[in-house]
Amino acid sequence: MCGGKLCHAGGHCAADGTCPAFLGTCFSTVDNFVSCDDYCTKMGFTCAAQSCNSDGSPAMTGYSWVSFAAANRAQCQQNGYPDKNSFDPCLNLIWLSPTKPKDDVIRCCCKG
């Protein structure tokens, strides 16, 4: 519990008394999430830009999302070390880069 609210992720409350950040579930383009803001909102959370370590734990200065190649989907599900990390703002479109394969697997940093 942080600030009277039951938190989704374990760990300690953030410095401001809110729930800590966490990496959400793994998704790809077939799930039709276009940004981390879109993903977190649809899951009932708030996007937490630059607030997660690559292992999913909260961070003061961390990543907004992490990415795994399709061949590493199992690592994504098991909180493995990602292939790429991003400091992008929550509203940035994830699949915009022509070098990002459409079958990459993403986890966004959320709070709630």
C-alpha atoms as a PDB file:
ATOM      1  CA  MET A   1       0.000   0.000   0.000  1.00  0.00           C
ATOM      2  CA  CYS A   2       1.290   3.452  -0.934  1.00  0.00           C
ATOM      3  CA  GLY A   3      -0.619   6.631  -0.235  1.00  0.00           C
ATOM      4  CA  GLY A   4      -3.616   4.532   0.794  1.00  0.00           C
ATOM      5  CA  LYS A   5      -3.673   2.706  -2.551  1.00  0.00           C
ATOM      6  CA  LEU A   6      -3.004  -0.986  -3.144  1.00  0.00           C
ATOM      7  CA  CYS A   7      -0.097  -1.125  -5.603  1.00  0.00           C
ATOM      8  CA  HIS A   8       0.192  -3.503  -8.543  1.00  0.00           C
ATOM      9  CA  ALA A   9       3.921  -4.080  -8.152  1.00  0.00           C
ATOM     10  CA  GLY A  10       5.812  -5.055  -5.022  1.00  0.00           C
ATOM     11  CA  GLY A  11       8.690  -3.125  -3.579  1.00  0.00           C
ATOM     12  CA  HIS A  12       8.859   0.174  -1.741  1.00  0.00           C
ATOM     13  CA  CYS A  13       6.725   3.248  -2.278  1.00  0.00           C
ATOM     14  CA  ALA A  14       8.201   5.968  -4.497  1.00  0.00           C
ATOM     15  CA  ALA A  15       9.738   9.049  -2.846  1.00  0.00           C
ATOM     16  CA  ASP A  16       6.488  10.976  -3.434  1.00  0.00           C
ATOM     17  CA  GLY A  17       4.461   8.270  -1.635  1.00  0.00           C
ATOM     18  CA  THR A  18       2.926   6.801  -4.782  1.00  0.00           C
ATOM     19  CA  CYS A  19       3.140   3.208  -5.989  1.00  0.00           C
ATOM     20  CA  PRO A  20       6.463   2.161  -7.543  1.00  0.00           C
ATOM     21  CA  ALA A  21       6.956   1.798 -11.283  1.00  0.00           C
ATOM     22  CA  PHE A  22       7.067  -1.641 -12.942  1.00  0.00           C
ATOM     23  CA  LEU A  23       7.388  -3.163 -16.397  1.00  0.00           C
ATOM     24  CA  GLY A  24       4.058  -4.395 -17.728  1.00  0.00           C
ATOM     25  CA  THR A  25       3.426  -7.589 -19.654  1.00  0.00           C
ATOM     26  CA  CYS A  26       5.059  -8.417 -22.983  1.00  0.00           C
ATOM     27  CA  PHE A  27       3.296  -7.345 -26.184  1.00  0.00           C
ATOM     28  CA  SER A  28       3.984  -6.951 -29.908  1.00  0.00           C
ATOM     29  CA  THR A  29       2.345  -5.141 -32.833  1.00  0.00           C
ATOM     30  CA  VAL A  30      -0.456  -7.729 -33.057  1.00  0.00           C
ATOM     31  CA  ASP A  31      -1.726  -6.450 -29.692  1.00  0.00           C
ATOM     32  CA  ASN A  32      -2.376  -3.012 -31.268  1.00  0.00           C
ATOM     33  CA  PHE A  33      -0.722  -0.842 -28.592  1.00  0.00           C
ATOM     34  CA  VAL A  34       0.902   2.130 -30.339  1.00  0.00           C
ATOM     35  CA  SER A  35       2.666   3.791 -27.382  1.00  0.00           C
ATOM     36  CA  CYS A  36       3.437   3.087 -23.743  1.00  0.00           C
ATOM     37  CA  ASP A  37       0.812   5.635 -22.755  1.00  0.00           C
ATOM     38  CA  ASP A  38      -1.702   3.627 -24.801  1.00  0.00           C
ATOM     39  CA  TYR A  39      -0.597   0.315 -23.249  1.00  0.00           C
ATOM     40  CA  CYS A  40      -0.540   1.499 -19.624  1.00  0.00           C
ATOM     41  CA  THR A  41      -3.875   3.315 -19.904  1.00  0.00           C
ATOM     42  CA  LYS A  42      -5.620   0.300 -21.436  1.00  0.00           C
ATOM     43  CA  MET A  43      -4.223  -1.888 -18.634  1.00  0.00           C
ATOM     44  CA  GLY A  44      -5.601   0.497 -15.979  1.00  0.00           C
ATOM     45  CA  PHE A  45      -2.282   2.129 -15.086  1.00  0.00           C
ATOM     46  CA  THR A  46      -0.363   5.331 -15.830  1.00  0.00           C
ATOM     47  CA  CYS A  47       2.735   5.416 -18.007  1.00  0.00           C
ATOM     48  CA  ALA A  48       5.911   6.086 -16.005  1.00  0.00           C
ATOM     49  CA  ALA A  49       8.473   7.476 -18.454  1.00  0.00           C
ATOM     50  CA  GLN A  50      12.122   6.799 -17.586  1.00  0.00           C
ATOM     51  CA  SER A  51      11.177   5.095 -14.316  1.00  0.00           C
ATOM     52  CA  CYS A  52      12.079   1.380 -14.700  1.00  0.00           C
ATOM     53  CA  ASN A  53      15.312  -0.579 -14.623  1.00  0.00           C
ATOM     54  CA  SER A  54      15.735  -3.183 -17.361  1.00  0.00           C
ATOM     55  CA  ASP A  55      14.796  -5.908 -14.841  1.00  0.00           C
ATOM     56  CA  GLY A  56      11.422  -4.249 -14.162  1.00  0.00           C
ATOM     57  CA  SER A  57      12.294  -2.695 -10.823  1.00  0.00           C
ATOM     58  CA  PRO A  58      11.614   1.019 -10.216  1.00  0.00           C
ATOM     59  CA  ALA A  59      14.373   3.541 -10.961  1.00  0.00           C
ATOM     60  CA  MET A  60      14.882   7.262 -10.404  1.00  0.00           C
ATOM     61  CA  THR A  61      16.370   7.586 -13.902  1.00  0.00           C
ATOM     62  CA  GLY A  62      15.536   4.546 -15.967  1.00  0.00           C
ATOM     63  CA  TYR A  63      13.794   3.383 -19.115  1.00  0.00           C
ATOM     64  CA  SER A  64      10.334   3.986 -20.521  1.00  0.00           C
ATOM     65  CA  TRP A  65      10.239   0.630 -22.303  1.00  0.00           C
ATOM     66  CA  VAL A  66      12.417  -2.358 -23.041  1.00  0.00           C
ATOM     67  CA  SER A  67      12.460  -4.463 -26.203  1.00  0.00           C
ATOM     68  CA  PHE A  68      13.227  -8.092 -26.989  1.00  0.00           C
ATOM     69  CA  ALA A  69      13.731  -9.647 -30.422  1.00  0.00           C
ATOM     70  CA  ALA A  70      11.032 -12.168 -31.354  1.00  0.00           C
ATOM     71  CA  ALA A  71      13.549 -14.990 -30.833  1.00  0.00           C
ATOM     72  CA  ASN A  72      13.929 -13.812 -27.217  1.00  0.00           C
ATOM     73  CA  ARG A  73      10.200 -13.771 -26.355  1.00  0.00           C
ATOM     74  CA  ALA A  74      10.783 -16.331 -23.575  1.00  0.00           C
ATOM     75  CA  GLN A  75      13.312 -13.968 -21.945  1.00  0.00           C
ATOM     76  CA  CYS A  76      10.710 -11.201 -22.022  1.00  0.00           C
ATOM     77  CA  GLN A  77       8.219 -13.387 -20.165  1.00  0.00           C
ATOM     78  CA  GLN A  78      10.871 -14.256 -17.558  1.00  0.00           C
ATOM     79  CA  ASN A  79      12.173 -10.696 -16.960  1.00  0.00           C
ATOM     80  CA  GLY A  80      15.365 -11.461 -18.891  1.00  0.00           C
ATOM     81  CA  TYR A  81      17.838  -8.804 -19.995  1.00  0.00           C
ATOM     82  CA  PRO A  82      16.341  -6.840 -22.938  1.00  0.00           C
ATOM     83  CA  ASP A  83      17.959  -6.359 -26.339  1.00  0.00           C
ATOM     84  CA  LYS A  84      17.129  -2.614 -26.364  1.00  0.00           C
ATOM     85  CA  ASN A  85      16.123   0.031 -23.820  1.00  0.00           C
ATOM     86  CA  SER A  86      14.342   3.309 -24.506  1.00  0.00           C
ATOM     87  CA  PHE A  87      14.149   6.676 -22.763  1.00  0.00           C
ATOM     88  CA  ASP A  88      11.281   7.796 -25.046  1.00  0.00           C
ATOM     89  CA  PRO A  89       8.387   9.863 -23.680  1.00  0.00           C
ATOM     90  CA  CYS A  90       5.187   7.899 -23.025  1.00  0.00           C
ATOM     91  CA  LEU A  91       3.390   9.306 -26.060  1.00  0.00           C
ATOM     92  CA  ASN A  92       6.093   8.363 -28.605  1.00  0.00           C
ATOM     93  CA  LEU A  93       4.937   5.795 -31.130  1.00  0.00           C
ATOM     94  CA  ILE A  94       6.825   2.567 -30.439  1.00  0.00           C
ATOM     95  CA  TRP A  95       6.741   1.079 -33.943  1.00  0.00           C
ATOM     96  CA  LEU A  96       7.769   4.255 -35.785  1.00  0.00           C
ATOM     97  CA  SER A  97      11.394   3.297 -36.393  1.00  0.00           C
ATOM     98  CA  PRO A  98      12.042   1.541 -39.727  1.00  0.00           C
ATOM     99  CA  THR A  99      14.797  -0.447 -37.987  1.00  0.00           C
ATOM    100  CA  LYS A 100      12.448  -1.869 -35.307  1.00  0.00           C
ATOM    101  CA  PRO A 101      11.163  -5.256 -36.450  1.00  0.00           C
ATOM    102  CA  LYS A 102       7.386  -5.606 -36.192  1.00  0.00           C
ATOM    103  CA  ASP A 103       7.742  -8.880 -34.306  1.00  0.00           C
ATOM    104  CA  ASP A 104       9.792  -7.329 -31.466  1.00  0.00           C
ATOM    105  CA  VAL A 105       8.323  -7.819 -28.007  1.00  0.00           C
ATOM    106  CA  ILE A 106       7.928  -4.755 -25.753  1.00  0.00           C
ATOM    107  CA  ARG A 107       7.378  -4.090 -22.047  1.00  0.00           C
ATOM    108  CA  CYS A 108       6.346  -0.590 -20.958  1.00  0.00           C
ATOM    109  CA  CYS A 109       7.070   1.088 -17.647  1.00  0.00           C
ATOM    110  CA  CYS A 110       3.813   1.839 -15.797  1.00  0.00           C
ATOM    111  CA  LYS A 111       2.649   2.958 -12.330  1.00  0.00           C
ATOM    112  CA  GLY A 112      -0.535   2.207 -10.504  1.00  0.00           C
END
